[in-house]
Structures are given as C-alpha cells and as structure tokens.
Amino acid sequence: MAAPHPSLLPGQRARARGARSNETGRYEAHRREAADDGWALPEDDRLIATELRLERPRSALSWNRSPDLPFDRSVNPYRGCEHGCIYCFARPTHAWLNLSPGLDFETKLVARPGIGAVLERELRARGYKVAPVALGTNTDPYQPIEAKQRLMREVLEVLAAFRHPVAITTKGTLIARDLDILAPLAAQGLARVGISITTLDPGLARRMEPRAATPARRLAVVRQLAEAGIPVRVMVAPVIPGLTDHELEPILQAARDAGAVAASWIMLRLPLEVAPLFRDWLAEAEPLRAAKVMARVRESRGGKDYDAAWGKRMRGEGIWSRLIAQRFDKACARLGFSTALPPLRCDLFEVPLARGDQPSLF
C-alpha cells in the first residue's frame, strides 16, 4: 500500500474513491498541502464524505462546435460525479470551481436545482431552433445524488412537454426510474440512450469506477431499456490498451445479448490533470501492468499521454488504435450492430401553452 498523498491529512481515508490525491487545481496561485494541527479527530471524521452544494443556474443549454461531437448542445444538471471513475475526462472542469480534479471532483458535488425551469425558458425563446440535446456529456446525470435531487427527471419532463429530441449517456442504473417518460419519447423517435461499459470484470470495475453500477447491473439496464422499446447503444468507453482492450468483443457480445442495437468505442483520454491521477491509480491498482499500459497509451498518442487534436482525441493513432478499430468493426459486423442509429426526429417539436396563455380556437 502506497503512502498517503501529501494533499491528504494524516490518517484521512477515502473509501470507495477513484483518485488517491487532492492536488490543487491548475488555476490556483498557491499549492496547498494538508497538515496535522495536532487535534485528534474521531475515526469517522477522517473519512472523506460526499458534500453537495447548490448552484442557481442562469442557463441550462451548453453549446459546442467540436467537429468530434455529433451534437451542438447539452444540459448538465450536476458538476462533479460521485461515480469516481479514475479515467473521467471531465475531472479538469472542477478546476474552474477552484476545486481539485482529484478527490474534490468526486466528493464536492454541485447540483443545479431549477434547471428545468431555465431550460423551459430557453426552449420558448423566439429564435430557438430545435436539434437533439445531449445529456450526460460531462458528468453522469444519473449519479447517486439524482435519487434525491431528481434534476434529470425535471429536465426530461420539460423535454417531453416540448416533444424535444434527446440523447442520454450514462452508466447509472437510476435511468430505469424514468422509463415512463423515455419509452413514449422513444416511440415517437425522440429518445435514445447510450450505456457505457468499460469492463466486464467486477473487481477491476470496482477499483476503476468505485461508485458506479457493476457491469452486470448495467447490462440489466440495457435489457430493461431495450424491452421498453428504447434504442440502446453500448459505448465501450474508454478502451484502455493493455488493460481492458482484450474485453472489446466480450462486451459487445454481452450488450447484444441484452438487447443493444448499436455500438461505439472511444480510446482512453488523459487530458490535463487526468494523466497524473490515472498514472498514480495505475501504479497502485495494477502495478504489474502499469508500464505496459502507459507505453501503449503513449504509442497511440504520438508519444504523449494525450493528444487533443481534432480527429485524434477520440480514437488516437498508430498500430494499437488501428487494431482496436479493426476488431471493433469486425465484431459489429458479426453481431449485426449498427454504428449509426437513425436520426432523432425534430419535426415534432412544439412549444406548449404556458400557464395563463389563451388557447387557440383553430
């Protein structure tokens, strides 16, 4: 067991967390180190707990022009994610909040109550032009705090009222709670879901994605969604060369058996603070494979931990990237997977009457 990181207090414990440190964010002028002031704390006070903060949203829709993404707008009800996936590319966004992309990202969470009302106002804007909205593009909208906050359901209720197309990405099983909204939307061609599965190994998943649903539970959710008539894409993401890439075909097979109709894959991404966090985790959790994994990562990223160039950041380059792509294509062809689902409908969008509006006679 490695020694505690200097960013943690002596004796401070992180139970079922992905990161092992809490380094200061990159925008801070000073680096912070934890220090013991001599006051003894009860054992329970040494355990790092999840904290929830509230933010009043001024906008709901986030816009992007990335050529690597198939959508131009998204909604994020939460900042940070309790799932604690060590590889999460969204970790650096916590630095914008003057928080650490390490343990802060998975323990100091931000909820945005009232986001549904803000979204409704934006959809009612005279100049709004409909296109599919993506949910779960930054942090998981069905992470554990959604059970009480219900912000994702709030957003879905608004989208359903407007008959607005929506695409959801999650590894949270709480999505099954909202089948009563999603199934009717899907029946109209207005909804689809992507379920990400990184590994079928429950032990590895526990270490790598400590508070996310087990692989078996995610496959069960794929089945529930499929049986409800909702198109499901299995997202083998991220593929970690030297650690999980050998599971590509078994994951696709298991998802097809559960009812998924489409598939995609993304190479491991290690932007900014994610790279040292992942290397630290890898050395502790998989010491015998750490050197091999990082060597293959760098071979697929032009000799670096990460290359953010358009067209490369999702797939990488080099022999390992090409090999994974070829294996994926052959497995999809064998299993009858589609790599592109039919486009979501935009022609059904309709602004509902607001409270107090006069109904039309015609």
Protein backbone atom coordinates (compact mmCIF):
# COMPACT_ATOMS: atom_id res chain seq x y z
CA MET A 1 0.00 0.00 0.00
CA ALA A 2 1.43 3.36 -1.06
CA ALA A 3 1.96 6.13 1.47
CA PRO A 4 -0.84 8.74 1.77
CA HIS A 5 -0.51 11.64 -0.61
CA PRO A 6 0.63 14.95 0.98
CA SER A 7 -2.61 16.58 -0.18
CA LEU A 8 -4.47 14.43 2.40
CA LEU A 9 -4.43 14.83 6.15
CA PRO A 10 -2.57 12.19 8.15
CA GLY A 11 -4.96 9.30 8.67
CA GLN A 12 -7.55 10.74 6.28
CA ARG A 13 -9.30 7.94 4.41
CA ALA A 14 -11.00 7.81 1.03
CA ARG A 15 -13.33 4.81 0.99
CA ALA A 16 -14.53 3.68 -2.45
CA ARG A 17 -12.99 6.62 -4.30
CA GLY A 18 -11.12 6.66 -7.59
CA ALA A 19 -8.46 9.32 -7.01
CA ARG A 20 -5.81 8.92 -4.34
CA SER A 21 -4.93 12.62 -4.07
CA ASN A 22 -6.45 16.08 -3.98
CA GLU A 23 -3.91 18.27 -5.72
CA THR A 24 -4.64 21.98 -6.05
CA GLY A 25 -6.39 23.00 -9.28
CA ARG A 26 -4.29 24.49 -12.08
CA TYR A 27 -5.81 27.97 -11.78
CA GLU A 28 -4.81 28.45 -8.15
CA ALA A 29 -1.97 30.84 -7.34
CA HIS A 30 -0.76 28.71 -4.44
CA ARG A 31 -0.35 24.98 -3.92
CA ARG A 32 -1.98 23.57 -0.78
CA GLU A 33 -0.73 20.72 1.37
CA ALA A 34 -2.67 19.15 4.23
CA ALA A 35 -1.07 19.42 7.66
CA ASP A 36 -1.96 17.87 11.01
CA ASP A 37 -2.62 20.63 13.59
CA GLY A 38 -2.31 18.20 16.47
CA TRP A 39 -6.01 17.95 17.24
CA ALA A 40 -7.15 14.36 17.33
CA LEU A 41 -10.23 13.64 15.22
CA PRO A 42 -12.63 10.71 15.65
CA GLU A 43 -12.13 7.94 13.11
CA ASP A 44 -15.35 8.78 11.27
CA ASP A 45 -14.21 12.38 10.79
CA ARG A 46 -11.16 11.10 8.93
CA LEU A 47 -13.34 9.52 6.24
CA ILE A 48 -13.81 11.80 3.23
CA ALA A 49 -17.55 12.25 2.81
CA THR A 50 -19.58 13.42 -0.17
CA GLU A 51 -20.63 17.08 0.05
CA LEU A 52 -23.39 18.64 -2.03
CA ARG A 53 -23.52 22.32 -2.93
CA LEU A 54 -26.32 24.09 -4.75
CA GLU A 55 -25.94 26.43 -7.70
CA ARG A 56 -28.62 28.67 -9.13
CA PRO A 57 -28.44 28.08 -12.89
CA ARG A 58 -28.51 31.12 -15.14
CA SER A 59 -28.56 28.97 -18.28
CA ALA A 60 -29.35 25.33 -19.00
CA LEU A 61 -28.11 24.74 -22.53
CA SER A 62 -24.36 24.48 -23.15
CA TRP A 63 -23.18 24.91 -26.73
CA ASN A 64 -20.17 23.46 -28.55
CA ARG A 65 -18.72 23.48 -32.07
CA SER A 66 -16.48 20.43 -31.75
CA PRO A 67 -16.10 18.50 -35.03
CA ASP A 68 -15.59 15.35 -32.92
CA LEU A 69 -19.06 15.50 -31.37
CA PRO A 70 -22.38 14.62 -33.07
CA PHE A 71 -24.33 17.27 -31.13
CA ASP A 72 -24.08 21.02 -30.62
CA ARG A 73 -25.97 21.43 -27.34
CA SER A 74 -26.17 19.69 -23.98
CA VAL A 75 -27.60 20.06 -20.47
CA ASN A 76 -25.62 19.22 -17.32
CA PRO A 77 -27.68 19.10 -14.11
CA TYR A 78 -24.58 18.37 -11.98
CA ARG A 79 -20.93 19.34 -11.67
CA GLY A 80 -18.58 16.66 -10.40
CA CYS A 81 -19.51 12.98 -10.25
CA GLU A 82 -19.67 10.58 -7.32
CA HIS A 83 -19.03 7.59 -9.56
CA GLY A 84 -15.36 8.48 -9.17
CA CYS A 85 -14.15 6.90 -12.43
CA ILE A 86 -10.41 7.48 -12.37
CA TYR A 87 -10.22 7.96 -16.15
CA CYS A 88 -13.00 10.58 -16.37
CA PHE A 89 -12.06 13.25 -18.92
CA ALA A 90 -14.35 15.75 -17.12
CA ARG A 91 -12.21 15.90 -13.97
CA PRO A 92 -10.30 19.04 -15.10
CA THR A 93 -13.57 21.02 -15.21
CA HIS A 94 -13.56 21.11 -11.40
CA ALA A 95 -10.53 23.40 -11.53
CA TRP A 96 -12.88 26.11 -12.83
CA LEU A 97 -14.65 25.92 -9.46
CA ASN A 98 -11.36 26.39 -7.56
CA LEU A 99 -11.57 22.73 -6.58
CA SER A 100 -9.28 19.79 -7.21
CA PRO A 101 -9.85 17.46 -10.18
CA GLY A 102 -8.81 14.69 -7.76
CA LEU A 103 -10.92 13.77 -4.76
CA ASP A 104 -12.84 17.06 -4.84
CA PHE A 105 -14.30 16.07 -8.22
CA GLU A 106 -15.95 13.01 -6.72
CA THR A 107 -16.73 14.31 -3.22
CA LYS A 108 -17.61 18.02 -3.63
CA LEU A 109 -20.56 17.89 -5.97
CA VAL A 110 -22.73 20.70 -7.31
CA ALA A 111 -26.43 20.35 -8.10
CA ARG A 112 -28.35 22.92 -10.15
CA PRO A 113 -31.94 22.97 -8.85
CA GLY A 114 -34.38 24.86 -11.01
CA ILE A 115 -32.58 23.87 -14.20
CA GLY A 116 -35.83 22.57 -15.68
CA ALA A 117 -37.49 25.99 -15.47
CA VAL A 118 -34.42 27.64 -17.01
CA LEU A 119 -34.42 25.08 -19.84
CA GLU A 120 -38.10 25.73 -20.48
CA ARG A 121 -37.44 29.46 -20.78
CA GLU A 122 -34.66 28.82 -23.29
CA LEU A 123 -36.79 26.46 -25.38
CA ARG A 124 -39.54 29.08 -25.51
CA ALA A 125 -37.17 31.71 -26.90
CA ARG A 126 -38.44 33.02 -30.26
CA GLY A 127 -35.16 32.32 -32.03
CA TYR A 128 -34.63 28.78 -30.70
CA LYS A 129 -34.02 26.18 -33.42
CA VAL A 130 -34.55 22.57 -32.43
CA ALA A 131 -31.84 19.90 -32.64
CA PRO A 132 -31.13 16.91 -30.37
CA VAL A 133 -29.95 17.83 -26.88
CA ALA A 134 -27.36 15.57 -25.24
CA LEU A 135 -27.46 14.64 -21.55
CA GLY A 136 -24.53 13.05 -19.74
CA THR A 137 -21.81 14.56 -21.89
CA ASN A 138 -19.75 15.94 -19.00
CA THR A 139 -20.71 14.21 -15.76
CA ASP A 140 -23.25 11.43 -15.29
CA PRO A 141 -26.82 12.76 -14.87
CA TYR A 142 -27.83 9.52 -13.12
CA GLN A 143 -25.12 9.52 -10.46
CA PRO A 144 -26.32 8.61 -6.92
CA ILE A 145 -27.41 12.13 -5.85
CA GLU A 146 -30.04 12.14 -8.62
CA ALA A 147 -32.14 9.79 -6.46
CA LYS A 148 -32.95 12.70 -4.12
CA GLN A 149 -32.34 15.74 -6.32
CA ARG A 150 -34.40 14.48 -9.30
CA LEU A 151 -32.97 17.15 -11.60
CA MET A 152 -32.62 14.77 -14.53
CA ARG A 153 -36.28 13.88 -14.29
CA GLU A 154 -37.08 17.60 -14.13
CA VAL A 155 -35.19 18.13 -17.39
CA LEU A 156 -36.85 15.13 -19.08
CA GLU A 157 -40.31 16.36 -18.14
CA VAL A 158 -39.60 19.66 -19.87
CA LEU A 159 -38.21 17.97 -22.98
CA ALA A 160 -41.23 15.66 -23.14
CA ALA A 161 -43.63 18.61 -22.87
CA PHE A 162 -41.91 20.22 -25.88
CA ARG A 163 -41.55 16.91 -27.76
CA HIS A 164 -37.85 17.67 -27.99
CA PRO A 165 -35.33 15.05 -29.20
CA VAL A 166 -32.86 13.85 -26.55
CA ALA A 167 -29.83 11.53 -26.40
CA ILE A 168 -28.62 10.30 -22.99
CA THR A 169 -25.27 8.85 -21.99
CA THR A 170 -24.96 7.16 -18.59
CA LYS A 171 -23.63 4.24 -16.59
CA GLY A 172 -26.21 4.84 -13.84
CA THR A 173 -29.00 2.32 -13.31
CA LEU A 174 -31.33 5.03 -11.99
CA ILE A 175 -32.30 5.73 -15.60
CA ALA A 176 -34.78 2.85 -15.28
CA ARG A 177 -36.83 5.06 -12.94
CA ASP A 178 -37.65 7.33 -15.88
CA LEU A 179 -38.93 4.69 -18.29
CA ASP A 180 -42.40 6.25 -18.05
CA ILE A 181 -41.01 9.35 -19.79
CA LEU A 182 -38.37 7.79 -22.02
CA ALA A 183 -40.48 5.00 -23.53
CA PRO A 184 -43.15 7.34 -25.00
CA LEU A 185 -40.41 9.65 -26.29
CA ALA A 186 -38.64 6.72 -27.94
CA ALA A 187 -41.89 5.53 -29.51
CA GLN A 188 -42.07 8.91 -31.28
CA GLY A 189 -38.43 8.74 -32.40
CA LEU A 190 -37.40 11.36 -29.85
CA ALA A 191 -35.07 9.47 -27.49
CA ARG A 192 -32.15 7.08 -27.41
CA VAL A 193 -29.69 6.02 -24.72
CA GLY A 194 -26.01 5.12 -24.60
CA ILE A 195 -24.81 2.88 -21.76
CA SER A 196 -21.05 2.91 -21.21
CA ILE A 197 -19.34 -0.33 -20.22
CA THR A 198 -15.57 -0.33 -19.74
CA THR A 199 -15.03 -3.85 -18.43
CA LEU A 200 -16.97 -6.99 -17.52
CA ASP A 201 -14.58 -7.73 -14.65
CA PRO A 202 -16.40 -6.69 -11.44
CA GLY A 203 -13.15 -6.47 -9.48
CA LEU A 204 -11.50 -4.15 -11.98
CA ALA A 205 -14.69 -2.10 -12.27
CA ARG A 206 -14.80 -1.71 -8.51
CA ARG A 207 -11.27 -0.34 -8.45
CA MET A 208 -11.59 1.81 -11.55
CA GLU A 209 -15.21 3.05 -11.22
CA PRO A 210 -15.73 2.69 -7.46
CA ARG A 211 -19.24 4.10 -7.05
CA ALA A 212 -20.70 3.25 -10.44
CA ALA A 213 -23.06 0.33 -11.04
CA THR A 214 -21.43 -3.05 -11.61
CA PRO A 215 -21.10 -4.27 -15.21
CA ALA A 216 -23.84 -6.85 -14.60
CA ARG A 217 -26.27 -4.19 -13.41
CA ARG A 218 -25.52 -2.02 -16.42
CA LEU A 219 -26.27 -4.93 -18.73
CA ALA A 220 -29.54 -5.46 -16.87
CA VAL A 221 -30.43 -1.82 -17.54
CA VAL A 222 -29.62 -2.29 -21.23
CA ARG A 223 -32.17 -5.11 -21.22
CA GLN A 224 -34.79 -3.01 -19.38
CA LEU A 225 -34.44 -0.13 -21.80
CA ALA A 226 -34.48 -2.38 -24.85
CA GLU A 227 -37.59 -4.19 -23.64
CA ALA A 228 -39.26 -0.79 -23.21
CA GLY A 229 -38.59 -0.02 -26.87
CA ILE A 230 -35.78 2.47 -26.30
CA PRO A 231 -32.87 2.23 -28.78
CA VAL A 232 -29.72 1.47 -26.78
CA ARG A 233 -26.13 1.95 -27.87
CA VAL A 234 -23.38 0.19 -25.91
CA MET A 235 -20.41 2.51 -25.55
CA VAL A 236 -17.14 0.64 -24.96
CA ALA A 237 -15.58 3.70 -23.42
CA PRO A 238 -12.88 4.19 -22.66
CA VAL A 239 -10.88 1.38 -24.19
CA ILE A 240 -7.66 1.18 -22.15
CA PRO A 241 -4.92 -0.50 -24.19
CA GLY A 242 -3.12 -3.16 -22.21
CA LEU A 243 -5.80 -3.24 -19.51
CA THR A 244 -9.32 -3.57 -20.98
CA ASP A 245 -8.84 -3.78 -24.76
CA HIS A 246 -8.97 -7.60 -24.68
CA GLU A 247 -12.59 -7.32 -23.47
CA LEU A 248 -13.84 -5.46 -26.54
CA GLU A 249 -15.54 -8.45 -28.18
CA PRO A 250 -16.99 -9.94 -24.95
CA ILE A 251 -18.51 -6.56 -24.00
CA LEU A 252 -20.10 -6.18 -27.43
CA GLN A 253 -21.44 -9.75 -27.27
CA ALA A 254 -22.91 -9.27 -23.78
CA ALA A 255 -24.55 -5.99 -24.78
CA ARG A 256 -26.01 -7.53 -27.95
CA ASP A 257 -27.42 -10.39 -25.92
CA ALA A 258 -29.03 -7.81 -23.60
CA GLY A 259 -30.74 -6.03 -26.50
CA ALA A 260 -28.42 -3.20 -27.53
CA VAL A 261 -28.79 -2.33 -31.23
CA ALA A 262 -25.78 -0.06 -31.79
CA ALA A 263 -22.22 0.27 -30.56
CA SER A 264 -19.31 2.72 -30.40
CA TRP A 265 -15.88 2.96 -28.79
CA ILE A 266 -13.56 5.70 -27.52
CA MET A 267 -9.88 5.43 -26.70
CA LEU A 268 -8.72 6.38 -23.20
CA ARG A 269 -8.35 10.16 -22.88
CA LEU A 270 -5.99 11.68 -20.31
CA PRO A 271 -6.29 15.48 -20.60
CA LEU A 272 -4.56 17.86 -18.18
CA GLU A 273 -4.83 16.64 -14.55
CA VAL A 274 -6.33 13.29 -15.54
CA ALA A 275 -2.95 11.94 -16.71
CA PRO A 276 -1.12 12.10 -13.33
CA LEU A 277 -4.23 10.92 -11.48
CA PHE A 278 -4.53 7.90 -13.78
CA ARG A 279 -0.82 7.08 -13.60
CA ASP A 280 -0.94 7.23 -9.79
CA TRP A 281 -4.01 4.97 -9.69
CA LEU A 282 -2.48 2.54 -12.18
CA ALA A 283 0.72 2.17 -10.17
CA GLU A 284 -1.31 1.32 -7.06
CA ALA A 285 -4.15 -0.75 -8.54
CA GLU A 286 -2.34 -2.55 -11.40
CA PRO A 287 1.40 -2.35 -10.61
CA LEU A 288 2.37 -5.31 -12.82
CA ARG A 289 0.65 -3.83 -15.87
CA ALA A 290 1.26 -0.13 -15.29
CA ALA A 291 4.34 0.23 -17.50
CA LYS A 292 2.75 -1.76 -20.34
CA VAL A 293 -0.48 0.24 -20.23
CA MET A 294 1.22 3.64 -20.29
CA ALA A 295 3.56 2.52 -23.08
CA ARG A 296 0.58 1.57 -25.25
CA VAL A 297 -1.27 4.76 -24.34
CA ARG A 298 1.71 6.83 -25.50
CA GLU A 299 2.13 4.77 -28.65
CA SER A 300 -1.47 5.67 -29.52
CA ARG A 301 -1.00 9.35 -28.63
CA GLY A 302 2.10 10.29 -30.59
CA GLY A 303 4.47 9.55 -27.70
CA LYS A 304 2.50 11.64 -25.17
CA ASP A 305 -0.04 10.82 -22.50
CA TYR A 306 -2.67 12.64 -24.56
CA ASP A 307 -3.16 14.43 -27.86
CA ALA A 308 -6.16 16.76 -28.01
CA ALA A 309 -6.00 17.36 -31.77
CA TRP A 310 -9.35 17.25 -33.58
CA GLY A 311 -9.91 13.88 -35.18
CA LYS A 312 -7.43 12.14 -32.87
CA ARG A 313 -8.61 12.68 -29.32
CA MET A 314 -11.44 10.13 -29.51
CA ARG A 315 -9.53 7.40 -31.36
CA GLY A 316 -5.83 8.03 -31.03
CA GLU A 317 -3.44 6.92 -33.77
CA GLY A 318 -0.88 4.25 -34.53
CA ILE A 319 -0.95 0.47 -34.55
CA TRP A 320 -2.98 -0.05 -31.37
CA SER A 321 -5.67 2.38 -32.43
CA ARG A 322 -5.95 0.78 -35.86
CA LEU A 323 -6.05 -2.71 -34.36
CA ILE A 324 -8.85 -1.80 -31.95
CA ALA A 325 -10.81 -0.13 -34.76
CA GLN A 326 -10.49 -3.22 -36.98
CA ARG A 327 -11.53 -5.57 -34.19
CA PHE A 328 -14.49 -3.34 -33.35
CA ASP A 329 -15.67 -3.21 -36.98
CA LYS A 330 -15.42 -6.99 -37.39
CA ALA A 331 -17.25 -7.67 -34.11
CA CYS A 332 -20.05 -5.24 -35.02
CA ALA A 333 -20.46 -6.86 -38.44
CA ARG A 334 -20.59 -10.32 -36.87
CA LEU A 335 -23.09 -9.29 -34.21
CA GLY A 336 -25.27 -7.21 -36.52
CA PHE A 337 -24.62 -3.98 -34.65
CA SER A 338 -25.31 -0.64 -36.24
CA THR A 339 -22.71 2.08 -35.74
CA ALA A 340 -25.19 4.84 -36.56
CA LEU A 341 -28.77 4.94 -35.27
CA PRO A 342 -31.49 6.69 -37.28
CA PRO A 343 -31.54 10.44 -36.60
CA LEU A 344 -33.86 11.65 -33.87
CA ARG A 345 -36.94 13.49 -35.11
CA CYS A 346 -37.01 17.27 -34.87
CA ASP A 347 -40.27 17.85 -36.75
CA LEU A 348 -42.47 17.10 -33.72
CA PHE A 349 -41.11 19.98 -31.63
CA GLU A 350 -43.93 22.17 -30.33
CA VAL A 351 -43.94 24.91 -27.73
CA PRO A 352 -46.70 24.06 -25.24
CA LEU A 353 -49.04 26.68 -23.84
CA ALA A 354 -47.59 28.46 -20.84
CA ARG A 355 -49.66 28.95 -17.72
CA GLY A 356 -52.17 31.73 -18.41
CA ASP A 357 -51.88 31.56 -22.20
CA GLN A 358 -55.08 31.80 -24.25
CA PRO A 359 -55.73 28.55 -26.15
CA SER A 360 -56.12 28.86 -29.92
CA LEU A 361 -59.55 28.33 -31.47
CA PHE A 362 -58.07 26.72 -34.56
